[in-house]
Structures are given as C-alpha cells and as structure tokens.
C-alpha cells in the first residue's frame, strides 16, 4: 500500500497542480506544473533547465507540497481538492529525451496539443530549452482530500477597499476569484491551500482550512490560469509575510513575480531571451556543453498521441 492508493481518481484528471518547494530563505514558493502518477506510488514532475529553481530547491531541501485544485480541462464536476505532502528527489542529470518519462510526455502531448509544434524543424532552435529537462520524483507522505471551493470560475476577485490600491500584487490578485496560499507548518515544511484573498489596507486576509496548520512566517499567494488545452497560460506569485491578526491570517505582501510577463506583446521575446540565458547559465556553472535533444524519440511519442486521438 502507498499513500496514493487512497487518492481519488480525480487526481489523475487534473491538468496541472500547484507545486511548492522551499527557497534558500525558507520561503515556500508555488508554481503550476503538470504531474503524472507512477505505478509504484510516486509522482513525476519535470522542469526545464530554463526554470531550474524548483529542482535546485529540491536538491537543497526535499520537503515539498502539491495541491490539485484548478480543475480546468479535467471534466471534473464537482472537483475535490487533493493535497499531497512529501519528499522529492531530483538527480543532477539532464534528460534529453523521453526515456524513463514516456508516460509523462505522452500525457503532455495529448493534453497540450500545441506543444507538439515545438518539435518542428523551424521551431527547434527556439524551443530546444523546453526539451532539456530535470526529473523530479515525489514520494508522498500524506494526503488530504478537501471539498471543492465554489466560485473558481467567477470573474475577478472581491473589490478592493479604500487604501488597498497600493498593495503589492493588487493588480495581479484582482484578476482572480481565488489564489493558492503557500505557507509553512511548525516544522518548516510547505503547506498549500486554495483561498479567497480579501484586501485590507495592511495586506490580504486569507481563510485557511482546518487541516492546514500554518504558522507565522514567509508565505506567498499564487494565481494562475490555463485553458482546457493547457494554452494561454499566466501565473504570478505575491510573496510576503503571513501573520496572525484579530481578523485572521494576514499576508503582508512585499514582492510580485510574473515569470511569463503580464501579457504585453514584448513578453514572448523577453521570455525566449530569458530561457536561453538561464539554460546557458545552468550548463556553464556545471562545465557542460549544450546536450543534443533526441528529437526523433519525442516525435515518435507525438505520433502515438495523434493516433490515439484519431482512434477516439
């Protein structure tokens, strides 16, 4: 028996989950990512060299948390939330092909059809970074099923009150009805909970479910979205300090991070430039030359995904 044996089948239907690691400072940082369940009871995630911070965090401190809470594209209705806490490992080995993660890539190509175009010869010079991956394996240690949080599809967040306009993250959080709180428990391990931030002049009040025993300290709020085919993605993280007040838990924001930009026309160019520089930096620090992507093996999986679609 493994921890995941008690997980509802809904876990496998989610297109993404929120994945939290611990920064060097101890701050829990969450980002959306695709995940696949493995037969032996572990979870597989991957990250490109261009966004390797999750892998670097795991190598320093393996305590992680996952929350399956955005059911977009899953077909789930209602959609129970699934929290998983555990430990992760990420070898310092670069995967240049799908070997060892075939099911993960097959799932991604099926659920995100536009990613198949990255394999075309004209796109390869720009998207090589996307296929140079680090594999993260999570050994679940605890699992909690929470009821659906109503209102996920409602447009916008509660209107700001007077004096909150200058709050860091106000522009980002106001576009979403809910956000995912990443906080710490008494041992310093990450916890995740979907909540409805309520702006106040001092910060954002957040409700925390009873099973989520958060403590005062560094924390963050993640907002993200994607469509049913994992396209039109956006994410932002509002980081700060979580404090207990008479009104409840309050996140006092300090920094906002938008890795993919805010939707400006120039964002795509900026992101591509960042991915190249970050990939080069990862390799240079390890004295490695740029590996060759196994394009043919990836294309074979794409062909398999296309055939499955035609058969259905």
Protein backbone atom coordinates (compact mmCIF):
# COMPACT_ATOMS: atom_id res chain seq x y z
CA UNK A 1 0.00 0.00 0.00
CA UNK A 2 1.16 3.53 -0.79
CA UNK A 3 -0.18 6.93 0.23
CA UNK A 4 -1.58 7.48 -3.26
CA UNK A 5 -3.66 4.32 -3.08
CA UNK A 6 -6.21 6.35 -1.13
CA UNK A 7 -6.20 9.23 -3.63
CA UNK A 8 -9.41 9.81 -5.58
CA UNK A 9 -9.32 9.19 -9.33
CA UNK A 10 -9.83 12.94 -9.71
CA UNK A 11 -6.11 13.40 -9.08
CA UNK A 12 -5.29 11.89 -12.46
CA UNK A 13 -7.80 14.10 -14.28
CA UNK A 14 -6.26 17.39 -13.18
CA UNK A 15 -4.23 19.02 -15.97
CA UNK A 16 -1.98 20.88 -13.55
CA UNK A 17 -1.27 21.09 -9.86
CA UNK A 18 0.33 23.71 -7.65
CA UNK A 19 3.80 22.54 -6.62
CA UNK A 20 5.61 24.15 -3.67
CA UNK A 21 9.31 23.95 -2.83
CA UNK A 22 11.40 25.80 -0.25
CA UNK A 23 13.68 28.65 -1.30
CA UNK A 24 17.06 29.09 0.34
CA UNK A 25 15.45 31.65 2.66
CA UNK A 26 12.82 29.09 3.71
CA UNK A 27 10.05 30.85 1.78
CA UNK A 28 7.56 28.37 0.26
CA UNK A 29 7.27 29.06 -3.47
CA UNK A 30 4.48 27.51 -5.54
CA UNK A 31 4.13 27.28 -9.32
CA UNK A 32 1.70 25.39 -11.57
CA UNK A 33 3.09 22.26 -13.21
CA UNK A 34 1.98 19.05 -14.89
CA UNK A 35 2.35 15.85 -12.91
CA UNK A 36 1.97 12.14 -13.61
CA UNK A 37 1.26 9.35 -11.16
CA UNK A 38 3.61 6.37 -11.41
CA UNK A 39 2.59 2.75 -10.75
CA UNK A 40 4.90 2.43 -7.73
CA UNK A 41 3.05 5.22 -5.90
CA UNK A 42 5.26 8.21 -6.66
CA UNK A 43 4.59 11.38 -8.63
CA UNK A 44 6.73 12.59 -11.53
CA UNK A 45 7.21 16.25 -12.40
CA UNK A 46 9.72 17.84 -14.72
CA UNK A 47 11.22 21.28 -15.17
CA UNK A 48 13.31 22.69 -17.98
CA UNK A 49 16.85 23.96 -17.43
CA UNK A 50 15.49 27.45 -18.09
CA UNK A 51 13.30 27.25 -14.97
CA UNK A 52 15.52 25.05 -12.82
CA UNK A 53 14.90 26.77 -9.48
CA UNK A 54 12.37 24.14 -8.41
CA UNK A 55 14.99 21.43 -8.96
CA UNK A 56 17.68 23.40 -7.14
CA UNK A 57 15.34 23.91 -4.19
CA UNK A 58 14.55 20.20 -4.05
CA UNK A 59 18.24 19.28 -4.02
CA UNK A 60 18.78 21.57 -1.03
CA UNK A 61 15.60 20.61 0.89
CA UNK A 62 13.40 17.79 -0.37
CA UNK A 63 10.25 18.76 1.52
CA UNK A 64 7.53 19.64 -0.99
CA UNK A 65 3.77 20.04 -1.28
CA UNK A 66 1.30 19.62 -4.14
CA UNK A 67 -2.28 20.81 -4.42
CA UNK A 68 -4.67 19.67 -7.12
CA UNK A 69 -7.22 22.47 -7.06
CA UNK A 70 -7.77 24.02 -10.51
CA UNK A 71 -9.97 21.58 -12.48
CA UNK A 72 -9.87 23.49 -15.79
CA UNK A 73 -9.94 20.96 -18.62
CA UNK A 74 -10.34 17.98 -16.28
CA UNK A 75 -14.06 17.39 -16.83
CA UNK A 76 -14.49 17.14 -13.06
CA UNK A 77 -17.76 18.46 -11.63
CA UNK A 78 -17.63 18.66 -8.71
CA UNK A 79 -13.85 18.68 -8.34
CA UNK A 80 -12.45 17.66 -4.95
CA UNK A 81 -9.18 19.30 -3.97
CA UNK A 82 -6.30 16.95 -3.23
CA UNK A 83 -3.33 17.98 -1.07
CA UNK A 84 -0.17 15.87 -1.09
CA UNK A 85 2.83 16.44 1.15
CA UNK A 86 6.07 14.53 0.81
CA UNK A 87 9.73 14.49 -0.12
CA UNK A 88 11.25 14.91 -3.54
CA UNK A 89 14.47 13.97 -5.28
CA UNK A 90 16.00 15.46 -8.40
CA UNK A 91 19.24 13.93 -9.71
CA UNK A 92 21.69 16.30 -11.39
CA UNK A 93 21.12 14.56 -14.70
CA UNK A 94 19.72 16.22 -17.81
CA UNK A 95 17.07 14.26 -19.69
CA UNK A 96 17.45 14.96 -23.41
CA UNK A 97 14.74 12.52 -24.46
CA UNK A 98 11.58 10.91 -23.08
CA UNK A 99 13.29 7.75 -21.83
CA UNK A 100 12.11 6.95 -18.31
CA UNK A 101 9.30 9.50 -18.57
CA UNK A 102 7.42 8.26 -21.64
CA UNK A 103 4.03 8.27 -19.94
CA UNK A 104 4.58 11.81 -18.70
CA UNK A 105 5.44 13.14 -22.17
CA UNK A 106 2.66 11.14 -23.83
CA UNK A 107 0.21 12.68 -21.38
CA UNK A 108 1.58 16.18 -22.04
CA UNK A 109 1.39 15.84 -25.81
CA UNK A 110 -2.20 14.60 -25.55
CA UNK A 111 -3.35 17.32 -23.16
CA UNK A 112 -1.32 20.19 -24.64
CA UNK A 113 -1.51 19.71 -28.42
CA UNK A 114 0.20 23.00 -29.26
CA UNK A 115 3.43 21.77 -27.62
CA UNK A 116 3.82 19.29 -30.50
CA UNK A 117 4.64 22.18 -32.83
CA UNK A 118 7.81 22.85 -30.84
CA UNK A 119 9.28 19.72 -32.44
CA UNK A 120 9.04 21.05 -35.99
CA UNK A 121 12.46 21.85 -37.57
CA UNK A 122 11.79 25.62 -37.78
CA UNK A 123 10.95 25.77 -34.06
CA UNK A 124 13.79 23.64 -32.75
CA UNK A 125 16.40 26.40 -32.41
CA UNK A 126 13.98 28.46 -30.30
CA UNK A 127 12.49 25.63 -28.22
CA UNK A 128 15.48 23.40 -27.51
CA UNK A 129 15.43 24.57 -23.89
CA UNK A 130 11.90 23.20 -23.49
CA UNK A 131 13.06 19.61 -24.03
CA UNK A 132 16.15 19.71 -21.82
CA UNK A 133 14.55 18.58 -18.58
CA UNK A 134 15.28 17.72 -14.97
CA UNK A 135 13.11 14.94 -13.50
CA UNK A 136 11.63 15.41 -10.03
CA UNK A 137 10.20 12.38 -8.23
CA UNK A 138 7.95 12.92 -5.21
CA UNK A 139 7.44 10.28 -2.53
CA UNK A 140 4.06 11.18 -0.94
CA UNK A 141 3.90 11.04 2.85
CA UNK A 142 0.45 12.49 3.50
CA UNK A 143 -2.73 13.04 1.52
CA UNK A 144 -5.79 15.12 2.31
CA UNK A 145 -8.97 15.44 0.26
CA UNK A 146 -10.83 18.73 0.62
CA UNK A 147 -14.26 19.67 -0.74
CA UNK A 148 -14.49 21.77 -3.90
CA UNK A 149 -14.03 25.50 -3.42
CA UNK A 150 -17.02 27.18 -5.04
CA UNK A 151 -16.58 30.16 -7.29
CA UNK A 152 -13.43 29.15 -9.17
CA UNK A 153 -14.98 30.24 -12.45
CA UNK A 154 -16.34 33.55 -11.18
CA UNK A 155 -14.71 36.54 -12.89
CA UNK A 156 -12.48 38.74 -10.79
CA UNK A 157 -11.87 38.95 -7.06
CA UNK A 158 -13.73 40.91 -4.37
CA UNK A 159 -13.50 44.64 -4.95
CA UNK A 160 -10.62 46.36 -3.17
CA UNK A 161 -11.43 48.57 -0.22
CA UNK A 162 -10.18 52.12 0.15
CA UNK A 163 -6.45 52.23 0.83
CA UNK A 164 -5.57 48.92 -0.82
CA UNK A 165 -4.73 50.20 -4.30
CA UNK A 166 -1.01 50.47 -3.50
CA UNK A 167 -0.72 46.93 -2.09
CA UNK A 168 1.89 44.83 -3.89
CA UNK A 169 0.09 42.26 -6.00
CA UNK A 170 -3.25 44.09 -6.06
CA UNK A 171 -3.33 44.21 -9.86
CA UNK A 172 -2.49 40.50 -10.19
CA UNK A 173 -4.76 39.13 -7.45
CA UNK A 174 -7.73 41.25 -8.51
CA UNK A 175 -7.99 39.28 -11.77
CA UNK A 176 -8.80 36.02 -9.98
CA UNK A 177 -11.58 34.91 -7.61
CA UNK A 178 -9.18 32.67 -5.66
CA UNK A 179 -5.47 32.12 -5.07
CA UNK A 180 -3.29 29.36 -3.62
CA UNK A 181 -1.61 30.14 -0.31
CA UNK A 182 1.83 28.58 0.20
CA UNK A 183 2.85 28.69 3.86
CA UNK A 184 4.85 26.71 6.43
CA UNK A 185 3.88 24.26 9.16
CA UNK A 186 5.52 24.06 12.59
CA UNK A 187 8.41 22.00 11.19
CA UNK A 188 9.11 24.40 8.32
CA UNK A 189 7.59 22.14 5.66
CA UNK A 190 5.40 23.71 2.95
CA UNK A 191 1.61 23.67 3.05
CA UNK A 192 -0.84 24.66 0.31
CA UNK A 193 -4.47 25.79 0.42
CA UNK A 194 -6.74 27.47 -2.10
CA UNK A 195 -8.34 30.55 -0.59
CA UNK A 196 -10.05 33.84 -1.38
CA UNK A 197 -7.71 36.72 -0.52
CA UNK A 198 -9.53 39.73 0.93
CA UNK A 199 -7.63 43.01 0.53
CA UNK A 200 -7.22 45.28 3.54
CA UNK A 201 -5.01 48.34 3.95
CA UNK A 202 -2.45 46.14 5.77
CA UNK A 203 -2.42 43.14 3.42
CA UNK A 204 -4.55 40.19 2.29
CA UNK A 205 -6.72 38.25 4.73
CA UNK A 206 -6.82 34.56 3.83
CA UNK A 207 -9.00 31.74 5.11
CA UNK A 208 -7.16 28.52 5.88
CA UNK A 209 -8.87 25.09 6.07
CA UNK A 210 -8.78 23.35 9.47
CA UNK A 211 -6.44 20.59 8.22
CA UNK A 212 -3.83 23.16 7.12
CA UNK A 213 -1.91 24.08 10.30
CA UNK A 214 0.03 27.09 9.02
CA UNK A 215 2.46 29.07 11.16
CA UNK A 216 3.60 32.66 11.05
CA UNK A 217 6.44 33.26 8.64
CA UNK A 218 7.30 33.69 4.97
CA UNK A 219 4.47 32.82 2.60
CA UNK A 220 3.18 33.50 -0.89
CA UNK A 221 -0.02 33.66 -2.93
CA UNK A 222 -0.09 32.07 -6.38
CA UNK A 223 -2.58 32.87 -9.12
CA UNK A 224 -2.54 31.05 -12.44
CA UNK A 225 -4.72 30.03 -15.33
CA UNK A 226 -4.76 27.94 -18.49
CA UNK A 227 -7.44 26.89 -20.93
CA UNK A 228 -8.73 23.36 -21.50
CA UNK A 229 -5.78 22.56 -23.78
CA UNK A 230 -3.10 23.99 -21.49
CA UNK A 231 -2.74 27.07 -23.64
CA UNK A 232 -2.94 30.81 -22.84
CA UNK A 233 -1.09 30.32 -19.57
CA UNK A 234 -0.47 33.01 -16.99
CA UNK A 235 0.90 32.92 -13.45
CA UNK A 236 2.07 35.32 -10.78
CA UNK A 237 3.36 34.96 -7.24
CA UNK A 238 2.83 37.53 -4.48
CA UNK A 239 5.35 36.94 -1.70
CA UNK A 240 5.44 38.31 1.80
CA UNK A 241 4.95 37.50 5.48
CA UNK A 242 2.00 35.60 6.97
CA UNK A 243 0.83 36.91 10.34
CA UNK A 244 -1.91 36.04 12.81
CA UNK A 245 -4.22 39.01 13.49
CA UNK A 246 -7.51 39.58 15.26
CA UNK A 247 -9.18 39.35 11.85
CA UNK A 248 -7.47 36.08 10.93
CA UNK A 249 -4.39 35.18 8.91
CA UNK A 250 -2.96 38.16 7.02
CA UNK A 251 -0.38 38.03 4.23
CA UNK A 252 1.63 41.26 4.15
CA UNK A 253 2.98 41.44 0.58
CA UNK A 254 6.46 42.60 -0.42
CA UNK A 255 7.37 41.20 -3.86
CA UNK A 256 5.49 40.25 -7.03
CA UNK A 257 6.96 37.82 -9.58
CA UNK A 258 5.47 37.29 -13.07
CA UNK A 259 7.78 34.81 -14.87
CA UNK A 260 5.88 34.90 -18.16
CA UNK A 261 5.08 38.60 -18.09
CA UNK A 262 1.70 40.27 -17.81
CA UNK A 263 0.52 39.80 -21.39
CA UNK A 264 2.36 42.59 -23.19
CA UNK A 265 3.32 41.98 -26.86
CA UNK A 266 7.00 42.09 -25.92
CA UNK A 267 6.68 39.37 -23.26
CA UNK A 268 7.23 36.47 -25.67
CA UNK A 269 10.56 37.89 -26.82
CA UNK A 270 11.62 38.58 -23.24
CA UNK A 271 10.73 35.05 -22.13
CA UNK A 272 12.65 33.44 -25.00
CA UNK A 273 15.68 35.56 -24.20
CA UNK A 274 15.41 34.55 -20.54
CA UNK A 275 15.11 30.85 -21.33
CA UNK A 276 18.27 30.90 -23.46
CA UNK A 277 20.29 32.78 -20.86
CA UNK A 278 19.05 30.64 -17.97
CA UNK A 279 19.76 27.41 -19.86
CA UNK A 280 23.27 28.61 -20.76
CA UNK A 281 23.89 29.62 -17.14
CA UNK A 282 22.83 26.22 -15.80
CA UNK A 283 25.20 24.45 -18.19
CA UNK A 284 28.10 26.86 -17.71
CA UNK A 285 28.05 26.50 -13.93
CA UNK A 286 28.47 22.76 -14.34
CA UNK A 287 31.04 22.95 -17.12
CA UNK A 288 28.71 21.22 -19.57
CA UNK A 289 28.26 21.74 -23.28
CA UNK A 290 24.71 22.00 -24.59
CA UNK A 291 23.25 18.48 -24.96
CA UNK A 292 21.51 17.35 -28.13
CA UNK A 293 17.77 16.88 -27.87
CA UNK A 294 16.52 13.47 -29.03
CA UNK A 295 14.02 14.96 -31.45
CA UNK A 296 13.13 11.67 -33.16
CA UNK A 297 12.11 9.99 -29.89
CA UNK A 298 9.88 12.90 -28.96
CA UNK A 299 8.31 12.88 -32.42
CA UNK A 300 7.54 9.18 -32.05
CA UNK A 301 5.52 9.96 -28.92
CA UNK A 302 3.72 12.77 -30.72
CA UNK A 303 2.77 10.35 -33.46
CA UNK A 304 1.45 7.95 -30.84
CA UNK A 305 -0.65 10.72 -29.25
CA UNK A 306 -2.07 11.73 -32.64
CA UNK A 307 -3.01 8.14 -33.44
CA UNK A 308 -4.79 7.83 -30.10
CA UNK A 309 -6.81 10.97 -30.88
CA UNK A 310 -7.81 9.61 -34.29
CA UNK A 311 -8.84 6.28 -32.81
CA UNK A 312 -11.08 8.01 -30.27
